[in-house]
Protein backbone atom coordinates (compact mmCIF):
# COMPACT_ATOMS: atom_id res chain seq x y z
CA MET A 1 17.12 -32.74 3.46
CA PRO A 2 18.08 -29.20 2.40
CA SER A 3 15.28 -26.64 2.38
CA GLU A 4 14.31 -24.94 -0.84
CA ALA A 5 15.73 -21.42 -1.13
CA PRO A 6 12.95 -18.86 -1.60
CA ALA A 7 12.88 -17.03 -4.89
CA GLU A 8 13.72 -13.37 -4.57
CA ARG A 9 12.43 -10.38 -6.44
CA PRO A 10 14.81 -8.37 -8.61
CA ALA A 11 17.15 -6.44 -6.32
CA GLU A 12 16.87 -2.94 -7.75
CA VAL A 13 16.25 -0.63 -4.84
CA ASP A 14 16.01 -0.53 -1.06
CA ALA A 15 12.37 0.33 -0.33
CA ALA A 16 13.26 2.06 2.94
CA ALA A 17 15.89 4.16 1.23
CA VAL A 18 13.30 5.64 -1.15
CA GLY A 19 10.79 6.36 1.58
CA ARG A 20 8.36 3.44 1.11
CA HIS A 21 6.76 3.71 4.51
CA PRO A 22 3.69 1.75 5.60
CA LEU A 23 0.51 3.41 4.33
CA ARG A 24 -2.63 3.00 6.41
CA SER A 25 -5.01 4.91 4.13
CA LEU A 26 -4.86 5.50 0.38
CA LEU A 27 -7.74 7.74 -0.71
CA PHE A 28 -8.94 7.83 -4.31
CA VAL A 29 -9.35 11.34 -5.76
CA PRO A 30 -10.70 11.83 -9.32
CA GLY A 31 -7.96 13.01 -11.66
CA ASN A 32 -10.19 15.82 -12.90
CA ARG A 33 -10.80 17.00 -9.33
CA THR A 34 -7.28 17.75 -8.11
CA GLY A 35 -8.76 20.66 -6.19
CA TRP A 36 -10.01 18.05 -3.71
CA LEU A 37 -6.47 17.16 -2.61
CA PRO A 38 -6.59 19.58 0.36
CA LYS A 39 -9.68 17.68 1.59
CA ALA A 40 -7.77 14.42 1.37
CA ARG A 41 -4.88 15.94 3.30
CA ALA A 42 -7.24 17.42 5.90
CA ALA A 43 -8.85 14.00 6.38
CA GLY A 44 -5.43 12.62 7.32
CA ALA A 45 -4.88 10.32 4.36
CA ASP A 46 -1.40 8.83 4.24
CA ALA A 47 -1.68 8.83 0.44
CA ALA A 48 -3.97 10.12 -2.29
CA ILE A 49 -4.51 8.19 -5.51
CA LEU A 50 -5.27 10.57 -8.36
CA ASP A 51 -7.48 8.46 -10.61
CA LEU A 52 -7.15 8.76 -14.38
CA GLU A 53 -8.99 5.53 -15.10
CA ASP A 54 -12.58 4.84 -14.00
CA ALA A 55 -13.16 8.20 -12.32
CA VAL A 56 -12.61 10.20 -15.52
CA PRO A 57 -14.83 9.97 -18.66
CA ALA A 58 -13.03 9.21 -21.91
CA ALA A 59 -13.57 12.70 -23.29
CA GLY A 60 -11.87 14.28 -20.28
CA LYS A 61 -8.83 12.06 -19.88
CA LEU A 62 -6.30 14.32 -21.63
CA ALA A 63 -7.36 17.35 -19.61
CA ALA A 64 -7.30 15.31 -16.40
CA ARG A 65 -3.80 14.06 -17.24
CA ALA A 66 -2.59 17.65 -17.45
CA GLN A 67 -4.27 18.50 -14.15
CA VAL A 68 -2.65 15.54 -12.43
CA ALA A 69 0.79 16.37 -13.82
CA ASP A 70 0.42 19.94 -12.55
CA ALA A 71 -0.65 18.74 -9.11
CA ILE A 72 2.38 16.46 -8.83
CA ALA A 73 4.73 19.20 -9.98
CA GLN A 74 3.23 21.59 -7.45
CA ALA A 75 3.57 19.05 -4.64
CA ALA A 76 7.25 18.64 -5.43
CA THR A 77 7.89 22.37 -5.01
CA GLU A 78 5.79 23.01 -1.89
CA PRO A 79 7.54 23.32 1.49
CA ALA A 80 8.02 19.93 3.09
CA GLY A 81 5.62 20.71 5.92
CA GLN A 82 2.78 21.11 3.43
CA ALA A 83 3.38 18.44 0.81
CA GLY A 84 5.34 15.62 2.36
CA ARG A 85 2.77 14.23 4.75
CA MET A 86 0.54 12.81 2.02
CA ALA A 87 2.09 10.68 -0.70
CA LEU A 88 0.73 11.12 -4.23
CA PHE A 89 -0.05 8.12 -6.43
CA VAL A 90 -1.70 8.04 -9.85
CA ARG A 91 -3.97 5.30 -11.15
CA VAL A 92 -3.26 5.25 -14.85
CA ASN A 93 -5.18 3.53 -17.62
CA PRO A 94 -4.12 0.01 -18.68
CA LEU A 95 -0.82 -0.08 -20.57
CA ASP A 96 -2.27 -1.59 -23.72
CA GLY A 97 -0.93 0.95 -26.20
CA TRP A 98 1.21 4.03 -26.72
CA ALA A 99 -1.41 6.18 -24.97
CA GLY A 100 -0.63 4.37 -21.72
CA ALA A 101 3.09 4.98 -22.14
CA GLU A 102 2.47 8.66 -22.81
CA GLU A 103 0.32 8.84 -19.69
CA LEU A 104 3.16 7.45 -17.59
CA ARG A 105 5.58 9.88 -19.18
CA ALA A 106 3.28 12.79 -18.30
CA VAL A 107 2.86 11.96 -14.61
CA VAL A 108 6.21 10.44 -13.59
CA ARG A 109 8.13 13.36 -12.16
CA PRO A 110 9.48 14.54 -8.81
CA GLY A 111 6.62 14.55 -6.32
CA LEU A 112 5.11 11.25 -7.46
CA ALA A 113 5.23 8.39 -4.96
CA GLY A 114 3.85 5.64 -7.14
CA ILE A 115 1.73 4.33 -9.98
CA VAL A 116 -1.40 2.25 -9.46
CA LEU A 117 -1.74 -0.08 -12.44
CA PRO A 118 -5.22 -1.51 -13.19
CA LYS A 119 -6.27 -4.78 -14.77
CA VAL A 120 -2.99 -6.61 -14.11
CA SER A 121 -3.25 -10.23 -15.19
CA SER A 122 0.32 -11.49 -15.26
CA ALA A 123 3.93 -10.82 -14.33
CA GLN A 124 4.47 -9.73 -17.93
CA ASP A 125 2.19 -6.73 -17.33
CA VAL A 126 4.33 -5.75 -14.36
CA ARG A 127 7.61 -6.15 -16.20
CA LEU A 128 6.36 -3.90 -18.99
CA ALA A 129 5.30 -1.24 -16.49
CA ASP A 130 8.60 -1.59 -14.65
CA ARG A 131 10.60 -0.98 -17.85
CA LEU A 132 8.48 2.01 -18.81
CA LEU A 133 8.81 3.49 -15.34
CA GLY A 134 12.56 3.00 -15.49
CA TRP A 135 12.72 5.00 -18.73
CA CYS A 136 10.57 7.74 -17.23
CA GLU A 137 12.76 7.89 -14.13
CA ARG A 138 15.88 8.29 -16.21
CA GLU A 139 14.22 11.02 -18.27
CA GLN A 140 13.30 12.90 -15.10
CA GLY A 141 16.65 12.34 -13.39
CA LEU A 142 15.08 10.21 -10.65
CA PRO A 143 16.91 7.31 -8.97
CA PRO A 144 16.06 3.86 -10.35
CA GLY A 145 13.08 2.37 -8.52
CA ARG A 146 12.01 5.68 -6.99
CA VAL A 147 8.42 5.30 -8.22
CA ALA A 148 6.50 2.53 -6.47
CA LEU A 149 4.18 0.26 -8.44
CA VAL A 150 0.83 -0.98 -7.13
CA PRO A 151 -0.67 -3.65 -9.42
CA LEU A 152 -4.44 -4.01 -9.03
CA LEU A 153 -5.50 -7.64 -9.20
CA GLU A 154 -8.89 -7.27 -10.87
CA THR A 155 -9.06 -10.43 -12.98
CA ALA A 156 -9.30 -14.07 -11.98
CA ARG A 157 -5.95 -14.74 -13.64
CA GLY A 158 -4.31 -11.84 -11.85
CA LEU A 159 -5.56 -13.07 -8.49
CA ARG A 160 -4.43 -16.60 -9.32
CA GLU A 161 -0.93 -15.38 -10.25
CA SER A 162 -0.49 -12.88 -7.43
CA TYR A 163 2.76 -14.45 -6.22
CA ASP A 164 4.46 -14.22 -9.63
CA ILE A 165 3.10 -10.70 -10.10
CA ALA A 166 4.44 -9.63 -6.70
CA ARG A 167 7.91 -10.99 -7.56
CA ALA A 168 8.09 -9.38 -10.99
CA ALA A 169 9.54 -6.03 -9.83
CA SER A 170 11.14 -4.83 -6.61
CA ARG A 171 9.29 -1.51 -6.87
CA ILE A 172 6.07 -3.30 -5.80
CA ALA A 173 5.41 -2.30 -2.19
CA TYR A 174 1.63 -2.21 -1.58
CA LEU A 175 0.14 -5.18 -3.43
CA GLY A 176 -3.02 -6.73 -2.00
CA ALA A 177 -6.54 -7.93 -2.75
CA LEU A 178 -9.28 -5.34 -3.24
CA THR A 179 -12.81 -6.70 -2.97
CA ALA A 180 -15.97 -4.63 -3.27
CA PRO A 181 -19.59 -5.06 -4.31
CA GLY A 182 -20.27 -5.01 -8.03
CA GLY A 183 -16.71 -4.24 -9.09
CA ASP A 184 -14.22 -5.93 -11.37
CA VAL A 185 -13.20 -8.57 -8.83
CA GLU A 186 -16.77 -9.62 -8.02
CA ARG A 187 -17.52 -9.92 -11.73
CA ALA A 188 -14.31 -11.89 -12.37
CA VAL A 189 -14.68 -14.32 -9.47
CA GLY A 190 -18.46 -14.51 -9.21
CA TYR A 191 -18.84 -14.17 -5.45
CA ARG A 192 -21.88 -12.55 -3.83
CA TRP A 193 -20.67 -9.65 -1.73
CA SER A 194 -21.86 -9.20 1.85
CA PRO A 195 -20.93 -6.50 4.40
CA GLU A 196 -19.42 -9.20 6.61
CA GLY A 197 -16.92 -10.07 3.87
CA THR A 198 -16.93 -13.78 4.69
CA GLU A 199 -17.11 -14.79 1.03
CA THR A 200 -13.75 -13.13 0.26
CA VAL A 201 -11.77 -13.95 3.41
CA ALA A 202 -10.04 -16.89 1.73
CA LEU A 203 -9.27 -14.80 -1.36
CA ARG A 204 -7.83 -11.90 0.63
CA SER A 205 -5.86 -14.30 2.82
CA ARG A 206 -4.29 -16.14 -0.11
CA VAL A 207 -3.27 -12.96 -1.90
CA LEU A 208 -1.78 -11.65 1.34
CA LEU A 209 0.23 -14.84 1.79
CA ASP A 210 1.48 -14.55 -1.79
CA ALA A 211 2.46 -10.92 -1.22
CA ARG A 212 4.31 -11.72 2.00
CA ALA A 213 6.05 -14.73 0.47
CA ALA A 214 7.20 -12.55 -2.43
CA GLY A 215 8.64 -9.92 -0.09
CA VAL A 216 6.07 -7.15 -0.57
CA PRO A 217 6.75 -4.93 2.46
CA HIS A 218 3.41 -3.20 3.05
CA PRO A 219 0.36 -4.97 1.54
CA VAL A 220 -2.91 -3.04 1.49
CA SER A 221 -6.50 -4.10 0.89
CA GLY A 222 -9.94 -2.52 0.34
CA LEU A 223 -12.56 -1.36 -0.61
CA TRP A 224 -15.58 -0.26 1.45
CA THR A 225 -18.17 1.47 -0.73
CA ARG A 226 -20.95 2.21 1.78
CA VAL A 227 -20.09 5.84 2.39
CA THR A 228 -22.19 6.41 5.53
CA ASP A 229 -21.73 2.98 7.14
CA LEU A 230 -18.70 3.71 9.29
CA PRO A 231 -19.33 0.84 11.77
CA GLY A 232 -19.33 -1.57 8.81
CA LEU A 233 -16.11 0.00 7.56
CA ARG A 234 -14.50 -0.40 10.97
CA SER A 235 -15.45 -4.06 11.09
CA PHE A 236 -14.17 -4.73 7.56
CA ALA A 237 -10.94 -2.82 8.19
CA GLY A 238 -10.42 -4.74 11.42
CA GLN A 239 -10.87 -7.99 9.53
CA ASN A 240 -8.20 -6.94 7.00
CA ARG A 241 -5.87 -5.89 9.80
CA SER A 242 -6.37 -9.24 11.53
CA LEU A 243 -5.51 -11.05 8.30
CA GLY A 244 -2.19 -9.18 8.17
CA TYR A 245 -2.77 -6.21 5.85
CA GLU A 246 -1.19 -2.91 6.83
CA GLY A 247 -3.64 -0.50 5.21
CA MET A 248 -6.66 -0.01 2.97
CA MET A 249 -7.67 1.97 -0.06
CA ALA A 250 -10.64 4.29 0.47
CA ILE A 251 -13.18 6.13 -1.66
CA HIS A 252 -14.36 8.87 0.72
CA PRO A 253 -12.56 11.25 3.10
CA SER A 254 -14.88 10.26 5.98
CA HIS A 255 -13.40 6.75 5.83
CA VAL A 256 -9.83 7.88 6.40
CA PRO A 257 -9.90 8.51 10.18
CA VAL A 258 -11.52 5.12 10.81
CA ILE A 259 -8.99 3.31 8.64
CA ASN A 260 -6.06 5.15 10.20
CA GLU A 261 -7.24 4.24 13.69
CA VAL A 262 -7.76 0.57 12.87
CA PHE A 263 -4.34 0.20 11.26
CA SER A 264 -2.45 2.10 13.99
CA PRO A 265 -1.34 0.41 17.21
CA GLY A 266 -2.94 2.03 20.24
CA PRO A 267 -1.11 3.15 23.40
CA ASP A 268 -1.92 -0.11 25.20
CA GLU A 269 -0.53 -2.24 22.36
CA LEU A 270 2.62 -0.14 22.12
CA ALA A 271 3.14 -0.35 25.88
CA ARG A 272 2.61 -4.11 25.88
CA CYS A 273 5.14 -4.55 23.06
CA ALA A 274 7.76 -2.50 24.89
CA GLU A 275 7.21 -4.39 28.15
CA LEU A 276 7.30 -7.78 26.39
CA ILE A 277 10.60 -6.94 24.70
CA ALA A 278 12.06 -5.78 28.00
CA ALA A 279 10.94 -8.98 29.76
CA VAL A 280 12.41 -11.27 27.10
CA GLU A 281 15.68 -9.36 26.93
CA ALA A 282 15.98 -9.43 30.73
CA ALA A 283 15.46 -13.20 30.70
CA GLN A 284 18.04 -13.60 27.95
CA ARG A 285 20.62 -11.71 30.00
CA GLU A 286 20.03 -14.23 32.75
CA GLY A 287 20.47 -17.14 30.37
CA THR A 288 16.76 -17.98 29.98
CA GLY A 289 15.08 -18.33 26.61
CA ALA A 290 11.45 -18.06 27.67
CA VAL A 291 9.71 -16.12 30.42
CA ALA A 292 6.22 -15.72 31.84
CA PHE A 293 4.66 -12.41 30.79
CA ARG A 294 1.12 -11.37 31.68
CA GLY A 295 0.02 -14.95 32.13
CA GLU A 296 1.60 -16.45 28.99
CA MET A 297 4.97 -17.81 27.99
CA VAL A 298 6.91 -15.59 25.58
CA ASP A 299 10.31 -15.91 23.93
CA GLU A 300 12.46 -14.31 21.23
CA ALA A 301 9.89 -15.03 18.48
CA MET A 302 7.26 -12.97 20.32
CA ALA A 303 9.82 -10.26 21.03
CA ALA A 304 10.73 -10.06 17.34
CA THR A 305 7.05 -9.59 16.46
CA ALA A 306 6.73 -6.87 19.09
CA ARG A 307 9.81 -5.10 17.71
CA LEU A 308 8.26 -5.14 14.26
CA VAL A 309 5.09 -3.47 15.60
CA LEU A 310 7.21 -0.73 17.17
CA GLU A 311 9.33 -0.32 14.03
CA ARG A 312 6.26 0.09 11.82
CA HIS A 313 4.79 2.59 14.23
CA GLU A 314 8.04 4.55 14.20
CA ALA A 315 8.01 4.53 10.40
CA LEU A 316 4.50 6.01 10.38
CA VAL A 317 5.53 8.69 12.86
CA ARG A 318 8.63 9.53 10.86
CA ALA A 319 6.59 9.76 7.66
CA ALA A 320 4.16 12.15 9.35
CA GLU A 321 6.96 14.27 10.76
CA GLU A 322 8.95 14.07 7.51
CA LEU A 323 12.05 12.75 9.19
CA PRO A 324 14.61 10.68 7.29
CA PRO A 325 14.64 6.95 8.00
CA SER A 326 16.92 5.74 10.75
CA ALA A 327 20.41 4.79 9.72
CA PRO A 328 20.92 1.03 9.48
């Protein structure tokens, strides 16, 4: 019986070609506090999310928009060694009127890595944002699909439709489930948050599966709101990593080093991957499909997984060193 062909997202852009590397840590920075960006960079954040939504009071949103636009423009003109190591994202307000479109138009410019879109409930929300971003890219002379899109699944409907949302635009690269105490997701779903996170494991797992099935390359999760509880953060980040996420959003610079460490393969893991690949390839040259390695049987499937670990690590290193991606 023929297998069902998987549905594919719109083929607009090669994510690798526009520099969509894995991101371990994405740190929120209030849009009216762009002067804190050096602290985010010093903490080692892979990305900063300049927040124009919840972090900025209504009366200050226009001024914050101007600050954010200036910060992005400045990042685009700084020497690569200063600006390129931390990607800049902007969390905009919901696109429920012309004000949202004007906000996108103000911040989409060279230097912007992506837009974080709140309160996404359906694929239609994503398609609208995708069209608006396309217009902004053309206005700024940017290649189509240059600006990544990160839909935040903060409603029950959005979480339920995460697969369709993930497939709605190829510019989606970092979709995942964000769960935190007292936030939009807890209110929408009704769970009782605990530091152990057991009540949201199934939710985070299902959204991750949807993201992977839809072809999202680098899903991220979050959040940990207990600023001083770094052991709790490490445990929660490790749980997300074990589920299959590649990074987390963060709310405080002190969280960044912990998150980066959890989502980075250590020397022992890298060495094991390299040795496993070498053992499998040596067996293949001798006409054997499987081989004993450190007390277990491994084959090409395990070697492919090990290669992926090494490739993702190389992508992180290249992003940090600002090297172009390897030629295909």
